[in-house]
Amino acid sequence: MPIRSLAPLLEFSRLGFWIYGAAVVMITTLVYRDHKLTPLKPGVESLAVLRQEPGVLLWVDLNQPTTEEVTAVLETVFGFHPLTIEDCVADSPLPKIEDYGDYLYLVAHSIAYQAGNGFTTSELDLFLGPNYLVTYHRTPLKAVQAVIERHQRTPSTLVRGPDRFAHGLLDGLVESCQPALAALRSEVDKLEEGVLINISAEELFPQVVALRKDLSRLRQLIRPQREVLMTLTQGKSKLIRPTIVPYLRDVGDDLVRIETQAATWAEQLILSFRIYLNKSGYEANQGIKIITAITAMTIPPLLIGGWFGMNFRHMPELSSLHGYAISVALTLTSMVGMLLFMRKQRWI
């Protein structure tokens, strides 16, 4: 569909959503003049003109765009490298950063977690130029929408560069990890509580393995994003102002804390499993001690019963009038004595 056929677009809301026919075009554009937000809601056709206007700062967000919109914005208006557009449209498994001189291309991920289903990620692509930021994502991202709404609510806030938008987005992606961390914390706590109650090994072992796998996956997701933040904070790119570097470093520190927390939880799981094994071993030993004590208490009856059960012809005790009573008393006395001895020795 040619780009000119998008001309009869109707404005849908103050965020810059348009309707064309039956399709919803999710393109949000924030225009800043002299560092302040303006009420402009430009169409795709006017972006190229605004981009060249002195003192203008643009943020164009493409949310689930069509192929024609991707071509119009990324290729025609901004003229990004074909490789970056190809990487943008295709899923990238890992975050990355590439410097093309007049713009930076970044790939970051939003992380979500659901117990039993593991982690899911949603990609966010950023094109950071000298006076613009273009973002692209195939699914709606709460972090992006939150940053847009925050700027809409405070139009008087001064924004002196697109790196401020980029910092807000990267910080929002890190904050979006908090529900996943809370869910993991809950799973770890639940498993630790299970160790102290009568949870079976058949239940515990699969849970420990699955949870450690999730924690390892979280670290695999966080580590590349931390490396991207570290690259941004090195100050090598002219597109990142020195005033933004400390803010980006703070985001990187948050990622380090998340990775460290995941490693700590993994160690806690191993410790909990060891506690369970020790607890199980202790309980097994207690059972063996009781069984051993009961066996020891049966020795006197066995000895006495064996003695009186021998088939000798001349056994005076068998013809005694009080032989039965004496044998019973001797049996009970020896069993009680054995019990008191074992209690004194703390064997039972």
C-alpha atoms as a PDB file:
ATOM      1  CA  MET A   1       0.000   0.000   0.000  1.00  0.00           C
ATOM      2  CA  PRO A   2       1.653   3.332  -1.029  1.00  0.00           C
ATOM      3  CA  ILE A   3       2.345   5.851   1.701  1.00  0.00           C
ATOM      4  CA  ARG A   4       0.220   8.503  -0.029  1.00  0.00           C
ATOM      5  CA  SER A   5      -2.877   6.382   0.537  1.00  0.00           C
ATOM      6  CA  LEU A   6      -2.492   7.040   4.263  1.00  0.00           C
ATOM      7  CA  ALA A   7      -3.324  10.702   3.753  1.00  0.00           C
ATOM      8  CA  PRO A   8      -6.980  10.580   4.904  1.00  0.00           C
ATOM      9  CA  LEU A   9      -5.957   9.776   8.492  1.00  0.00           C
ATOM     10  CA  LEU A  10      -8.282  10.920  11.264  1.00  0.00           C
ATOM     11  CA  GLU A  11      -6.924  12.047  14.620  1.00  0.00           C
ATOM     12  CA  PHE A  12      -8.125   9.665  17.325  1.00  0.00           C
ATOM     13  CA  SER A  13      -6.619  10.960  20.571  1.00  0.00           C
ATOM     14  CA  ARG A  14      -4.149  13.405  22.021  1.00  0.00           C
ATOM     15  CA  LEU A  15      -1.406  10.724  21.988  1.00  0.00           C
ATOM     16  CA  GLY A  16      -1.423  10.591  18.231  1.00  0.00           C
ATOM     17  CA  PHE A  17      -3.377   7.445  17.375  1.00  0.00           C
ATOM     18  CA  TRP A  18      -5.040   7.384  13.980  1.00  0.00           C
ATOM     19  CA  ILE A  19      -7.667   5.270  12.259  1.00  0.00           C
ATOM     20  CA  TYR A  20      -7.497   4.406   8.587  1.00  0.00           C
ATOM     21  CA  GLY A  21     -10.350   2.265   7.383  1.00  0.00           C
ATOM     22  CA  ALA A  22     -10.707  -0.579   9.855  1.00  0.00           C
ATOM     23  CA  ALA A  23      -7.050  -0.633  10.939  1.00  0.00           C
ATOM     24  CA  VAL A  24      -5.706   1.169  13.999  1.00  0.00           C
ATOM     25  CA  VAL A  25      -2.399   2.911  13.315  1.00  0.00           C
ATOM     26  CA  MET A  26      -0.439   2.983  16.564  1.00  0.00           C
ATOM     27  CA  ILE A  27       2.021   5.795  15.942  1.00  0.00           C
ATOM     28  CA  THR A  28       2.708   8.192  18.801  1.00  0.00           C
ATOM     29  CA  THR A  29       4.713  11.342  18.158  1.00  0.00           C
ATOM     30  CA  LEU A  30       5.947  13.813  20.754  1.00  0.00           C
ATOM     31  CA  VAL A  31       7.231  17.101  19.352  1.00  0.00           C
ATOM     32  CA  TYR A  32       9.393  19.431  21.454  1.00  0.00           C
ATOM     33  CA  ARG A  33      10.252  22.983  20.421  1.00  0.00           C
ATOM     34  CA  ASP A  34      12.862  24.799  22.466  1.00  0.00           C
ATOM     35  CA  HIS A  35      12.873  21.828  24.855  1.00  0.00           C
ATOM     36  CA  LYS A  36       9.142  22.093  25.630  1.00  0.00           C
ATOM     37  CA  LEU A  37       6.342  19.814  24.512  1.00  0.00           C
ATOM     38  CA  THR A  38       4.053  21.228  21.813  1.00  0.00           C
ATOM     39  CA  PRO A  39       0.460  20.147  21.088  1.00  0.00           C
ATOM     40  CA  LEU A  40       1.373  19.093  17.543  1.00  0.00           C
ATOM     41  CA  LYS A  41       0.084  15.713  16.347  1.00  0.00           C
ATOM     42  CA  PRO A  42       2.014  15.369  13.062  1.00  0.00           C
ATOM     43  CA  GLY A  43       1.282  12.724  10.472  1.00  0.00           C
ATOM     44  CA  VAL A  44       3.928  10.544   8.881  1.00  0.00           C
ATOM     45  CA  GLU A  45       4.224  12.930   5.920  1.00  0.00           C
ATOM     46  CA  SER A  46       5.348  15.870   8.093  1.00  0.00           C
ATOM     47  CA  LEU A  47       7.951  14.030  10.151  1.00  0.00           C
ATOM     48  CA  ALA A  48      10.717  14.579   7.606  1.00  0.00           C
ATOM     49  CA  VAL A  49      10.078  18.346   7.653  1.00  0.00           C
ATOM     50  CA  LEU A  50       9.966  18.512  11.450  1.00  0.00           C
ATOM     51  CA  ARG A  51      13.161  16.516  11.715  1.00  0.00           C
ATOM     52  CA  GLN A  52      15.040  19.184   9.744  1.00  0.00           C
ATOM     53  CA  GLU A  53      13.542  22.102  11.639  1.00  0.00           C
ATOM     54  CA  PRO A  54      16.036  23.790  14.028  1.00  0.00           C
ATOM     55  CA  GLY A  55      15.238  23.519  17.732  1.00  0.00           C
ATOM     56  CA  VAL A  56      12.844  20.591  17.244  1.00  0.00           C
ATOM     57  CA  LEU A  57      13.130  17.332  19.171  1.00  0.00           C
ATOM     58  CA  LEU A  58      11.094  14.290  18.099  1.00  0.00           C
ATOM     59  CA  TRP A  59      10.082  11.039  19.698  1.00  0.00           C
ATOM     60  CA  VAL A  60       8.263   8.705  17.321  1.00  0.00           C
ATOM     61  CA  ASP A  61       6.931   5.480  18.833  1.00  0.00           C
ATOM     62  CA  LEU A  62       5.838   2.679  16.504  1.00  0.00           C
ATOM     63  CA  ASN A  63       3.557   0.254  18.306  1.00  0.00           C
ATOM     64  CA  GLN A  64       2.618  -2.779  16.197  1.00  0.00           C
ATOM     65  CA  PRO A  65       3.128  -0.876  12.940  1.00  0.00           C
ATOM     66  CA  THR A  66       2.296  -2.208   9.508  1.00  0.00           C
ATOM     67  CA  THR A  67       4.959  -2.984   6.922  1.00  0.00           C
ATOM     68  CA  GLU A  68       4.073   0.210   5.058  1.00  0.00           C
ATOM     69  CA  GLU A  69       4.485   2.314   8.198  1.00  0.00           C
ATOM     70  CA  VAL A  70       7.836   0.712   8.963  1.00  0.00           C
ATOM     71  CA  THR A  71       9.034   1.531   5.454  1.00  0.00           C
ATOM     72  CA  ALA A  72       7.657   5.070   5.584  1.00  0.00           C
ATOM     73  CA  VAL A  73       9.107   5.989   8.990  1.00  0.00           C
ATOM     74  CA  LEU A  74      12.318   3.985   9.338  1.00  0.00           C
ATOM     75  CA  GLU A  75      13.439   3.954   5.709  1.00  0.00           C
ATOM     76  CA  THR A  76      11.909   6.989   4.003  1.00  0.00           C
ATOM     77  CA  VAL A  77      11.764   9.599   6.788  1.00  0.00           C
ATOM     78  CA  PHE A  78      14.843   8.703   8.851  1.00  0.00           C
ATOM     79  CA  GLY A  79      16.870   6.694   6.343  1.00  0.00           C
ATOM     80  CA  PHE A  80      18.168   4.083   8.749  1.00  0.00           C
ATOM     81  CA  HIS A  81      20.563   1.406   7.542  1.00  0.00           C
ATOM     82  CA  PRO A  82      18.775  -1.587   5.949  1.00  0.00           C
ATOM     83  CA  LEU A  83      20.499  -3.958   8.372  1.00  0.00           C
ATOM     84  CA  THR A  84      19.121  -2.109  11.388  1.00  0.00           C
ATOM     85  CA  ILE A  85      15.638  -2.114   9.883  1.00  0.00           C
ATOM     86  CA  GLU A  86      15.969  -5.843   9.210  1.00  0.00           C
ATOM     87  CA  ASP A  87      17.130  -6.462  12.787  1.00  0.00           C
ATOM     88  CA  CYS A  88      14.332  -4.257  14.064  1.00  0.00           C
ATOM     89  CA  VAL A  89      11.582  -6.161  12.260  1.00  0.00           C
ATOM     90  CA  ALA A  90      13.012  -9.586  13.178  1.00  0.00           C
ATOM     91  CA  ASP A  91      13.166 -10.819  16.763  1.00  0.00           C
ATOM     92  CA  SER A  92      16.544 -10.358  18.392  1.00  0.00           C
ATOM     93  CA  PRO A  93      17.237 -12.904  21.153  1.00  0.00           C
ATOM     94  CA  LEU A  94      19.799 -10.694  22.919  1.00  0.00           C
ATOM     95  CA  PRO A  95      20.069  -6.977  23.738  1.00  0.00           C
ATOM     96  CA  LYS A  96      22.707  -5.137  21.789  1.00  0.00           C
ATOM     97  CA  ILE A  97      24.014  -1.715  20.816  1.00  0.00           C
ATOM     98  CA  GLU A  98      25.446  -0.598  17.477  1.00  0.00           C
ATOM     99  CA  ASP A  99      26.917   2.798  16.662  1.00  0.00           C
ATOM    100  CA  TYR A 100      26.233   4.036  13.108  1.00  0.00           C
ATOM    101  CA  GLY A 101      27.886   7.404  13.620  1.00  0.00           C
ATOM    102  CA  ASP A 102      24.877   9.701  13.286  1.00  0.00           C
ATOM    103  CA  TYR A 103      22.614   7.450  15.357  1.00  0.00           C
ATOM    104  CA  LEU A 104      22.726   4.603  17.874  1.00  0.00           C
ATOM    105  CA  TYR A 105      20.713   1.434  17.438  1.00  0.00           C
ATOM    106  CA  LEU A 106      19.766  -0.339  20.670  1.00  0.00           C
ATOM    107  CA  VAL A 107      17.826  -3.501  21.389  1.00  0.00           C
ATOM    108  CA  ALA A 108      16.419  -3.969  24.899  1.00  0.00           C
ATOM    109  CA  HIS A 109      13.872  -6.342  26.390  1.00  0.00           C
ATOM    110  CA  SER A 110      10.976  -6.114  28.799  1.00  0.00           C
ATOM    111  CA  ILE A 111      10.898  -9.149  31.096  1.00  0.00           C
ATOM    112  CA  ALA A 112       7.790 -10.846  32.476  1.00  0.00           C
ATOM    113  CA  TYR A 113       7.503 -13.952  34.634  1.00  0.00           C
ATOM    114  CA  GLN A 114       4.735 -16.399  35.435  1.00  0.00           C
ATOM    115  CA  ALA A 115       5.188 -19.289  37.841  1.00  0.00           C
ATOM    116  CA  GLY A 116       5.155 -22.552  35.952  1.00  0.00           C
ATOM    117  CA  ASN A 117       5.580 -20.898  32.556  1.00  0.00           C
ATOM    118  CA  GLY A 118       8.942 -19.215  33.106  1.00  0.00           C
ATOM    119  CA  PHE A 119      10.068 -15.953  31.506  1.00  0.00           C
ATOM    120  CA  THR A 120       8.781 -14.152  28.441  1.00  0.00           C
ATOM    121  CA  THR A 121      10.436 -11.144  26.838  1.00  0.00           C
ATOM    122  CA  SER A 122       9.157  -8.327  24.656  1.00  0.00           C
ATOM    123  CA  GLU A 123      11.626  -6.526  22.435  1.00  0.00           C
ATOM    124  CA  LEU A 124      12.047  -2.765  22.263  1.00  0.00           C
ATOM    125  CA  ASP A 125      14.180  -1.255  19.482  1.00  0.00           C
ATOM    126  CA  LEU A 126      15.548   2.272  19.848  1.00  0.00           C
ATOM    127  CA  PHE A 127      17.079   4.549  17.212  1.00  0.00           C
ATOM    128  CA  LEU A 128      18.791   7.406  19.029  1.00  0.00           C
ATOM    129  CA  GLY A 129      19.790  10.378  16.851  1.00  0.00           C
ATOM    130  CA  PRO A 130      20.986  13.919  17.554  1.00  0.00           C
ATOM    131  CA  ASN A 131      17.445  15.366  17.737  1.00  0.00           C
ATOM    132  CA  TYR A 132      15.164  12.359  17.616  1.00  0.00           C
ATOM    133  CA  LEU A 133      14.309   9.023  19.166  1.00  0.00           C
ATOM    134  CA  VAL A 134      12.431   6.362  17.224  1.00  0.00           C
ATOM    135  CA  THR A 135      11.138   3.346  19.137  1.00  0.00           C
ATOM    136  CA  TYR A 136       9.663   0.181  17.696  1.00  0.00           C
ATOM    137  CA  HIS A 137       7.899  -2.708  19.434  1.00  0.00           C
ATOM    138  CA  ARG A 138       5.621  -5.463  18.180  1.00  0.00           C
ATOM    139  CA  THR A 139       3.598  -5.704  21.403  1.00  0.00           C
ATOM    140  CA  PRO A 140       2.281  -2.941  23.675  1.00  0.00           C
ATOM    141  CA  LEU A 141       4.779  -2.179  26.440  1.00  0.00           C
ATOM    142  CA  LYS A 142       3.666  -0.650  29.734  1.00  0.00           C
ATOM    143  CA  ALA A 143       7.088   0.911  30.235  1.00  0.00           C
ATOM    144  CA  VAL A 144       6.824   2.841  26.957  1.00  0.00           C
ATOM    145  CA  GLN A 145       3.252   3.930  27.610  1.00  0.00           C
ATOM    146  CA  ALA A 146       4.161   5.054  31.140  1.00  0.00           C
ATOM    147  CA  VAL A 147       6.989   7.280  29.881  1.00  0.00           C
ATOM    148  CA  ILE A 148       4.776   8.782  27.171  1.00  0.00           C
ATOM    149  CA  GLU A 149       1.997   9.529  29.642  1.00  0.00           C
ATOM    150  CA  ARG A 150       4.455  11.045  32.108  1.00  0.00           C
ATOM    151  CA  HIS A 151       5.677  13.490  29.481  1.00  0.00           C
ATOM    152  CA  GLN A 152       2.101  14.234  28.439  1.00  0.00           C
ATOM    153  CA  ARG A 153       1.120  15.034  32.029  1.00  0.00           C
ATOM    154  CA  THR A 154       4.049  17.441  32.485  1.00  0.00           C
ATOM    155  CA  PRO A 155       4.316  19.361  29.195  1.00  0.00           C
ATOM    156  CA  SER A 156       6.294  22.165  30.869  1.00  0.00           C
ATOM    157  CA  THR A 157       9.180  19.826  31.734  1.00  0.00           C
ATOM    158  CA  LEU A 158      12.314  20.721  29.806  1.00  0.00           C
ATOM    159  CA  VAL A 159      13.768  17.933  27.662  1.00  0.00           C
ATOM    160  CA  ARG A 160      17.125  18.896  26.192  1.00  0.00           C
ATOM    161  CA  GLY A 161      17.949  15.726  24.292  1.00  0.00           C
ATOM    162  CA  PRO A 162      16.550  12.413  23.060  1.00  0.00           C
ATOM    163  CA  ASP A 163      18.908  10.603  25.426  1.00  0.00           C
ATOM    164  CA  ARG A 164      16.540  11.696  28.211  1.00  0.00           C
ATOM    165  CA  PHE A 165      13.764   9.702  26.536  1.00  0.00           C
ATOM    166  CA  ALA A 166      16.101   6.744  26.119  1.00  0.00           C
ATOM    167  CA  HIS A 167      17.052   6.810  29.794  1.00  0.00           C
ATOM    168  CA  GLY A 168      13.385   6.922  30.820  1.00  0.00           C
ATOM    169  CA  LEU A 169      12.594   3.915  28.635  1.00  0.00           C
ATOM    170  CA  LEU A 170      15.556   1.843  29.809  1.00  0.00           C
ATOM    171  CA  ASP A 171      14.759   2.690  33.419  1.00  0.00           C
ATOM    172  CA  GLY A 172      11.115   1.729  32.819  1.00  0.00           C
ATOM    173  CA  LEU A 173      12.146  -1.630  31.373  1.00  0.00           C
ATOM    174  CA  VAL A 174      14.192  -2.343  34.495  1.00  0.00           C
ATOM    175  CA  GLU A 175      11.292  -1.291  36.729  1.00  0.00           C
ATOM    176  CA  SER A 176       9.014  -3.623  34.796  1.00  0.00           C
ATOM    177  CA  CYS A 177      11.128  -6.508  36.137  1.00  0.00           C
ATOM    178  CA  GLN A 178       9.864  -5.885  39.672  1.00  0.00           C
ATOM    179  CA  PRO A 179       6.696  -8.038  39.358  1.00  0.00           C
ATOM    180  CA  ALA A 180       8.859 -10.882  38.030  1.00  0.00           C
ATOM    181  CA  LEU A 181      11.260 -10.494  40.960  1.00  0.00           C
ATOM    182  CA  ALA A 182       8.364 -10.429  43.440  1.00  0.00           C
ATOM    183  CA  ALA A 183       6.934 -13.621  41.921  1.00  0.00           C
ATOM    184  CA  LEU A 184      10.333 -15.333  42.103  1.00  0.00           C
ATOM    185  CA  ARG A 185      10.800 -14.178  45.702  1.00  0.00           C
ATOM    186  CA  SER A 186       7.418 -15.681  46.546  1.00  0.00           C
ATOM    187  CA  GLU A 187       8.370 -18.980  44.906  1.00  0.00           C
ATOM    188  CA  VAL A 188      11.674 -19.126  46.794  1.00  0.00           C
ATOM    189  CA  ASP A 189       9.964 -18.336  50.125  1.00  0.00           C
ATOM    190  CA  LYS A 190       7.272 -20.935  49.482  1.00  0.00           C
ATOM    191  CA  LEU A 191       9.896 -23.583  48.776  1.00  0.00           C
ATOM    192  CA  GLU A 192      11.877 -22.656  51.897  1.00  0.00           C
ATOM    193  CA  GLU A 193       8.705 -23.026  53.968  1.00  0.00           C
ATOM    194  CA  GLY A 194       8.055 -26.387  52.335  1.00  0.00           C
ATOM    195  CA  VAL A 195      11.460 -27.610  53.490  1.00  0.00           C
ATOM    196  CA  LEU A 196      10.411 -27.072  57.112  1.00  0.00           C
ATOM    197  CA  ILE A 197       7.155 -29.015  56.740  1.00  0.00           C
ATOM    198  CA  ASN A 198       6.514 -32.522  55.529  1.00  0.00           C
ATOM    199  CA  ILE A 199       7.084 -31.948  51.820  1.00  0.00           C
ATOM    200  CA  SER A 200       8.080 -35.043  49.908  1.00  0.00           C
ATOM    201  CA  ALA A 201      11.269 -35.394  47.880  1.00  0.00           C
ATOM    202  CA  GLU A 202       9.110 -36.079  44.805  1.00  0.00           C
ATOM    203  CA  GLU A 203       7.640 -32.572  45.170  1.00  0.00           C
ATOM    204  CA  LEU A 204      10.714 -30.722  46.363  1.00  0.00           C
ATOM    205  CA  PHE A 205      13.340 -31.843  43.865  1.00  0.00           C
ATOM    206  CA  PRO A 206      11.426 -30.850  40.669  1.00  0.00           C
ATOM    207  CA  GLN A 207      10.570 -27.476  42.214  1.00  0.00           C
ATOM    208  CA  VAL A 208      14.196 -26.764  43.100  1.00  0.00           C
ATOM    209  CA  VAL A 209      15.381 -27.718  39.608  1.00  0.00           C
ATOM    210  CA  ALA A 210      12.671 -25.651  37.879  1.00  0.00           C
ATOM    211  CA  LEU A 211      13.239 -22.597  40.059  1.00  0.00           C
ATOM    212  CA  ARG A 212      17.011 -22.685  39.640  1.00  0.00           C
ATOM    213  CA  LYS A 213      16.447 -22.944  35.901  1.00  0.00           C
ATOM    214  CA  ASP A 214      14.242 -19.826  36.031  1.00  0.00           C
ATOM    215  CA  LEU A 215      16.851 -17.943  38.056  1.00  0.00           C
ATOM    216  CA  SER A 216      19.560 -18.940  35.590  1.00  0.00           C
ATOM    217  CA  ARG A 217      17.340 -17.743  32.748  1.00  0.00           C
ATOM    218  CA  LEU A 218      16.836 -14.399  34.508  1.00  0.00           C
ATOM    219  CA  ARG A 219      20.577 -13.911  34.802  1.00  0.00           C
ATOM    220  CA  GLN A 220      20.984 -14.761  31.114  1.00  0.00           C
ATOM    221  CA  LEU A 221      18.428 -12.070  30.255  1.00  0.00           C
ATOM    222  CA  ILE A 222      19.834  -9.419  32.579  1.00  0.00           C
ATOM    223  CA  ARG A 223      23.550  -9.769  31.844  1.00  0.00           C
ATOM    224  CA  PRO A 224      23.437  -8.616  28.163  1.00  0.00           C
ATOM    225  CA  GLN A 225      21.266  -5.630  29.065  1.00  0.00           C
ATOM    226  CA  ARG A 226      23.753  -4.688  31.777  1.00  0.00           C
ATOM    227  CA  GLU A 227      26.540  -4.809  29.191  1.00  0.00           C
ATOM    228  CA  VAL A 228      24.535  -2.483  26.917  1.00  0.00           C
ATOM    229  CA  LEU A 229      24.155  -0.006  29.803  1.00  0.00           C
ATOM    230  CA  MET A 230      27.857  -0.235  30.565  1.00  0.00           C
ATOM    231  CA  THR A 231      28.639   0.608  26.943  1.00  0.00           C
ATOM    232  CA  LEU A 232      26.362   3.643  27.087  1.00  0.00           C
ATOM    233  CA  THR A 233      27.988   4.908  30.288  1.00  0.00           C
ATOM    234  CA  GLN A 234      31.519   4.819  28.879  1.00  0.00           C
ATOM    235  CA  GLY A 235      30.961   8.219  27.277  1.00  0.00           C
ATOM    236  CA  LYS A 236      32.260   7.175  23.859  1.00  0.00           C
ATOM    237  CA  SER A 237      29.172   8.257  21.935  1.00  0.00           C
ATOM    238  CA  LYS A 238      28.553  11.923  21.221  1.00  0.00           C
ATOM    239  CA  LEU A 239      24.806  11.199  21.281  1.00  0.00           C
ATOM    240  CA  ILE A 240      24.873  10.532  25.056  1.00  0.00           C
ATOM    241  CA  ARG A 241      25.373  13.756  26.981  1.00  0.00           C
ATOM    242  CA  PRO A 242      27.654  13.654  30.063  1.00  0.00           C
ATOM    243  CA  THR A 243      24.732  14.789  32.237  1.00  0.00           C
ATOM    244  CA  ILE A 244      22.788  11.617  31.336  1.00  0.00           C
ATOM    245  CA  VAL A 245      25.657   9.207  32.018  1.00  0.00           C
ATOM    246  CA  PRO A 246      25.116   9.083  35.841  1.00  0.00           C
ATOM    247  CA  TYR A 247      21.429   8.273  35.305  1.00  0.00           C
ATOM    248  CA  LEU A 248      22.288   5.475  32.905  1.00  0.00           C
ATOM    249  CA  ARG A 249      24.901   4.200  35.353  1.00  0.00           C
ATOM    250  CA  ASP A 250      22.197   4.050  38.028  1.00  0.00           C
ATOM    251  CA  VAL A 251      20.049   1.909  35.723  1.00  0.00           C
ATOM    252  CA  GLY A 252      23.040  -0.348  35.163  1.00  0.00           C
ATOM    253  CA  ASP A 253      23.498  -0.647  38.932  1.00  0.00           C
ATOM    254  CA  ASP A 254      19.859  -1.759  39.217  1.00  0.00           C
ATOM    255  CA  LEU A 255      20.553  -4.523  36.697  1.00  0.00           C
ATOM    256  CA  VAL A 256      23.628  -5.576  38.693  1.00  0.00           C
ATOM    257  CA  ARG A 257      21.463  -5.790  41.825  1.00  0.00           C
ATOM    258  CA  ILE A 258      18.896  -7.927  40.010  1.00  0.00           C
ATOM    259  CA  GLU A 259      21.576 -10.288  38.728  1.00  0.00           C
ATOM    260  CA  THR A 260      23.153 -10.503  42.182  1.00  0.00           C
ATOM    261  CA  GLN A 261      19.762 -11.160  43.752  1.00  0.00           C
ATOM    262  CA  ALA A 262      19.088 -13.986  41.311  1.00  0.00           C
ATOM    263  CA  ALA A 263      22.457 -15.563  42.167  1.00  0.00           C
ATOM    264  CA  THR A 264      21.712 -15.219  45.899  1.00  0.00           C
ATOM    265  CA  TRP A 265      18.320 -16.899  45.510  1.00  0.00           C
ATOM    266  CA  ALA A 266      19.918 -19.745  43.577  1.00  0.00           C
ATOM    267  CA  GLU A 267      22.337 -20.299  46.463  1.00  0.00           C
ATOM    268  CA  GLN A 268      19.424 -20.165  48.917  1.00  0.00           C
ATOM    269  CA  LEU A 269      17.719 -22.947  47.000  1.00  0.00           C
ATOM    270  CA  ILE A 270      20.796 -25.154  47.266  1.00  0.00           C
ATOM    271  CA  LEU A 271      21.031 -24.375  50.987  1.00  0.00           C
ATOM    272  CA  SER A 272      17.334 -25.188  51.443  1.00  0.00           C
ATOM    273  CA  PHE A 273      17.800 -28.490  49.637  1.00  0.00           C
ATOM    274  CA  ARG A 274      20.771 -29.351  51.856  1.00  0.00           C
ATOM    275  CA  ILE A 275      18.714 -28.523  54.929  1.00  0.00           C
ATOM    276  CA  TYR A 276      16.011 -30.840  53.636  1.00  0.00           C
ATOM    277  CA  LEU A 277      18.527 -33.657  53.125  1.00  0.00           C
ATOM    278  CA  ASN A 278      19.958 -33.138  56.621  1.00  0.00           C
ATOM    279  CA  LYS A 279      16.458 -33.031  58.090  1.00  0.00           C
ATOM    280  CA  SER A 280      15.515 -36.212  56.247  1.00  0.00           C
ATOM    281  CA  GLY A 281      18.737 -37.903  57.382  1.00  0.00           C
ATOM    282  CA  TYR A 282      18.116 -36.858  60.977  1.00  0.00           C
ATOM    283  CA  GLU A 283      14.558 -38.166  60.898  1.00  0.00           C
ATOM    284  CA  ALA A 284      15.755 -41.446  59.372  1.00  0.00           C
ATOM    285  CA  ASN A 285      18.395 -41.783  62.093  1.00  0.00           C
ATOM    286  CA  GLN A 286      15.792 -41.158  64.782  1.00  0.00           C
ATOM    287  CA  GLY A 287      13.637 -43.909  63.300  1.00  0.00           C
ATOM    288  CA  ILE A 288      16.582 -46.291  63.176  1.00  0.00           C
ATOM    289  CA  LYS A 289      17.410 -45.522  66.812  1.00  0.00           C
ATOM    290  CA  ILE A 290      13.856 -46.300  67.908  1.00  0.00           C
ATOM    291  CA  ILE A 291      13.795 -49.544  65.943  1.00  0.00           C
ATOM    292  CA  THR A 292      17.180 -50.498  67.415  1.00  0.00           C
ATOM    293  CA  ALA A 293      15.950 -49.730  70.938  1.00  0.00           C
ATOM    294  CA  ILE A 294      12.846 -51.862  70.436  1.00  0.00           C
ATOM    295  CA  THR A 295      15.040 -54.682  69.122  1.00  0.00           C
ATOM    296  CA  ALA A 296      17.350 -54.368  72.129  1.00  0.00           C
ATOM    297  CA  MET A 297      14.386 -54.567  74.515  1.00  0.00           C
ATOM    298  CA  THR A 298      13.381 -57.901  73.009  1.00  0.00           C
ATOM    299  CA  ILE A 299      16.739 -59.497  73.877  1.00  0.00           C
ATOM    300  CA  PRO A 300      15.802 -60.371  77.507  1.00  0.00           C
ATOM    301  CA  PRO A 301      12.511 -62.111  76.536  1.00  0.00           C
ATOM    302  CA  LEU A 302      14.360 -63.993  73.798  1.00  0.00           C
ATOM    303  CA  LEU A 303      17.086 -65.176  76.181  1.00  0.00           C
ATOM    304  CA  ILE A 304      14.659 -66.184  78.935  1.00  0.00           C
ATOM    305  CA  GLY A 305      12.191 -67.724  76.510  1.00  0.00           C
ATOM    306  CA  GLY A 306      15.005 -69.591  74.803  1.00  0.00           C
ATOM    307  CA  TRP A 307      16.280 -70.910  78.120  1.00  0.00           C
ATOM    308  CA  PHE A 308      12.906 -72.185  79.275  1.00  0.00           C
ATOM    309  CA  GLY A 309      12.163 -73.517  75.834  1.00  0.00           C
ATOM    310  CA  MET A 310      15.111 -75.943  75.762  1.00  0.00           C
ATOM    311  CA  ASN A 311      14.071 -79.598  75.669  1.00  0.00           C
ATOM    312  CA  PHE A 312      16.376 -80.994  78.328  1.00  0.00           C
ATOM    313  CA  ARG A 313      14.845 -83.894  80.285  1.00  0.00           C
ATOM    314  CA  HIS A 314      16.173 -82.775  83.674  1.00  0.00           C
ATOM    315  CA  MET A 315      15.441 -78.996  84.125  1.00  0.00           C
ATOM    316  CA  PRO A 316      14.502 -78.407  87.787  1.00  0.00           C
ATOM    317  CA  GLU A 317      13.097 -74.903  87.039  1.00  0.00           C
ATOM    318  CA  LEU A 318      10.422 -76.393  84.804  1.00  0.00           C
ATOM    319  CA  SER A 319       8.979 -78.400  87.699  1.00  0.00           C
ATOM    320  CA  SER A 320       9.116 -75.468  90.143  1.00  0.00           C
ATOM    321  CA  LEU A 321       5.773 -74.286  91.486  1.00  0.00           C
ATOM    322  CA  HIS A 322       6.754 -70.628  90.998  1.00  0.00           C
ATOM    323  CA  GLY A 323       8.786 -71.082  87.810  1.00  0.00           C
ATOM    324  CA  TYR A 324       6.294 -69.304  85.508  1.00  0.00           C
ATOM    325  CA  ALA A 325       5.918 -66.290  87.794  1.00  0.00           C
ATOM    326  CA  ILE A 326       9.671 -66.045  88.222  1.00  0.00           C
ATOM    327  CA  SER A 327      10.246 -66.141  84.453  1.00  0.00           C
ATOM    328  CA  VAL A 328       7.617 -63.460  83.818  1.00  0.00           C
ATOM    329  CA  ALA A 329       8.993 -61.232  86.563  1.00  0.00           C
ATOM    330  CA  LEU A 330      12.521 -61.727  85.326  1.00  0.00           C
ATOM    331  CA  THR A 331      11.464 -60.900  81.761  1.00  0.00           C
ATOM    332  CA  LEU A 332       9.624 -57.703  82.724  1.00  0.00           C
ATOM    333  CA  THR A 333      12.370 -56.600  85.094  1.00  0.00           C
ATOM    334  CA  SER A 334      15.082 -57.039  82.487  1.00  0.00           C
ATOM    335  CA  MET A 335      13.020 -55.176  79.841  1.00  0.00           C
ATOM    336  CA  VAL A 336      12.352 -52.245  82.186  1.00  0.00           C
ATOM    337  CA  GLY A 337      15.988 -52.206  83.189  1.00  0.00           C
ATOM    338  CA  MET A 338      17.034 -52.147  79.518  1.00  0.00           C
ATOM    339  CA  LEU A 339      14.577 -49.294  78.838  1.00  0.00           C
ATOM    340  CA  LEU A 340      15.862 -47.211  81.780  1.00  0.00           C
ATOM    341  CA  PHE A 341      19.454 -47.800  80.708  1.00  0.00           C
ATOM    342  CA  MET A 342      18.773 -46.615  77.153  1.00  0.00           C
ATOM    343  CA  ARG A 343      16.879 -43.563  78.416  1.00  0.00           C
ATOM    344  CA  LYS A 344      19.801 -42.694  80.681  1.00  0.00           C
ATOM    345  CA  GLN A 345      22.190 -42.980  77.760  1.00  0.00           C
ATOM    346  CA  ARG A 346      19.808 -40.793  75.656  1.00  0.00           C
ATOM    347  CA  TRP A 347      19.547 -43.475  73.043  1.00  0.00           C
ATOM    348  CA  ILE A 348      15.784 -43.040  72.949  1.00  0.00           C
END
